[in-house]
Amino acid sequence: MLLILALWQWQFGDGGRQDLKQKQQQLDAQEAQINELKRRNDRLEAEVASLKTGLEAIEERARSELGMVKDGETFIQVVNPPEDQN
């Protein structure tokens, strides 16, 4: 009877095999999340470094996100008509 109780505790009790398996799955999920966040941080770090060192990156961002143009430039926007107006 003691052997059965010990085996049950080993399999299902606190710190048993199932508990260990659950903890390992949680650890794997957290490690995957950490790795994704590290990749994101690396991309952001590279973007910040580019913005700090290169005026080209700042100019590109100003043009694409803010619609800015340089002095003396002419901005031409081409708008295609909707497809239903033939």
Protein backbone atom coordinates (compact mmCIF):
# COMPACT_ATOMS: atom_id res chain seq x y z
CA MET A 1 0.00 0.00 0.00
CA LEU A 2 2.85 2.37 0.80
CA LEU A 3 4.40 1.66 -2.59
CA ILE A 4 1.14 2.55 -4.37
CA LEU A 5 0.88 5.78 -2.40
CA ALA A 6 4.48 6.68 -3.23
CA LEU A 7 3.98 5.95 -6.93
CA TRP A 8 0.77 8.00 -6.98
CA GLN A 9 2.55 10.91 -5.27
CA TRP A 10 5.45 10.64 -7.75
CA GLN A 11 3.08 10.72 -10.71
CA PHE A 12 0.35 13.16 -9.64
CA GLY A 13 1.49 14.96 -6.48
CA ASP A 14 3.17 18.34 -6.04
CA GLY A 15 6.50 18.19 -7.82
CA GLY A 16 5.47 15.00 -9.60
CA ARG A 17 5.90 14.15 -13.24
CA GLN A 18 2.76 15.94 -14.41
CA ASP A 19 3.65 19.04 -12.43
CA LEU A 20 7.13 18.95 -13.93
CA LYS A 21 5.70 18.58 -17.44
CA GLN A 22 3.38 21.57 -16.91
CA LYS A 23 6.24 23.69 -15.58
CA GLN A 24 8.42 22.73 -18.56
CA GLN A 25 5.67 23.79 -20.98
CA GLN A 26 5.35 27.13 -19.19
CA LEU A 27 9.13 27.58 -19.35
CA ASP A 28 9.19 26.78 -23.08
CA ALA A 29 6.42 29.31 -23.77
CA GLN A 30 8.19 32.00 -21.76
CA GLU A 31 11.51 31.32 -23.51
CA ALA A 32 9.81 31.66 -26.90
CA GLN A 33 8.26 34.95 -25.81
CA ILE A 34 11.61 36.20 -24.50
CA ASN A 35 13.33 35.31 -27.79
CA GLU A 36 10.68 37.18 -29.79
CA LEU A 37 11.06 40.23 -27.55
CA LYS A 38 14.85 40.09 -27.95
CA ARG A 39 14.47 40.05 -31.75
CA ARG A 40 12.08 43.01 -31.52
CA ASN A 41 14.50 44.90 -29.29
CA ASP A 42 17.36 44.22 -31.72
CA ARG A 43 15.31 45.63 -34.62
CA LEU A 44 14.38 48.72 -32.60
CA GLU A 45 17.97 49.18 -31.48
CA ALA A 46 19.16 49.06 -35.09
CA GLU A 47 16.50 51.59 -36.10
CA VAL A 48 17.50 53.94 -33.28
CA ALA A 49 21.17 53.67 -34.23
CA SER A 50 20.28 54.42 -37.85
CA LEU A 51 18.25 57.46 -36.84
CA LYS A 52 21.05 58.75 -34.61
CA THR A 53 23.78 58.45 -37.22
CA GLY A 54 22.18 58.98 -40.60
CA LEU A 55 20.28 61.95 -41.87
CA GLU A 56 19.07 59.82 -44.76
CA ALA A 57 17.00 57.66 -42.42
CA ILE A 58 15.48 60.74 -40.79
CA GLU A 59 14.74 62.26 -44.18
CA GLU A 60 13.15 59.04 -45.43
CA ARG A 61 10.96 58.81 -42.36
CA ALA A 62 9.91 62.47 -42.65
CA ARG A 63 8.97 61.95 -46.28
CA SER A 64 7.08 58.69 -45.87
CA GLU A 65 5.33 59.27 -42.55
CA LEU A 66 4.89 63.05 -42.48
CA GLY A 67 4.69 63.85 -46.20
CA MET A 68 7.47 66.43 -45.96
CA VAL A 69 9.38 67.77 -48.97
CA LYS A 70 12.64 69.71 -49.32
CA ASP A 71 12.80 73.39 -50.25
CA GLY A 72 12.63 73.76 -54.00
CA GLU A 73 11.04 70.35 -54.56
CA THR A 74 7.67 69.87 -56.17
CA PHE A 75 5.43 67.18 -54.76
CA ILE A 76 3.16 65.46 -57.24
CA GLN A 77 0.58 62.99 -56.01
CA VAL A 78 -0.98 60.65 -58.52
CA VAL A 79 -4.43 59.46 -57.56
CA ASN A 80 -5.94 56.60 -59.49
CA PRO A 81 -9.70 56.81 -59.96
CA PRO A 82 -11.77 54.10 -58.29
CA GLU A 83 -12.31 51.03 -60.44
CA ASP A 84 -16.10 51.47 -60.58
CA GLN A 85 -15.82 54.81 -62.43
CA ASN A 86 -14.94 53.65 -65.98
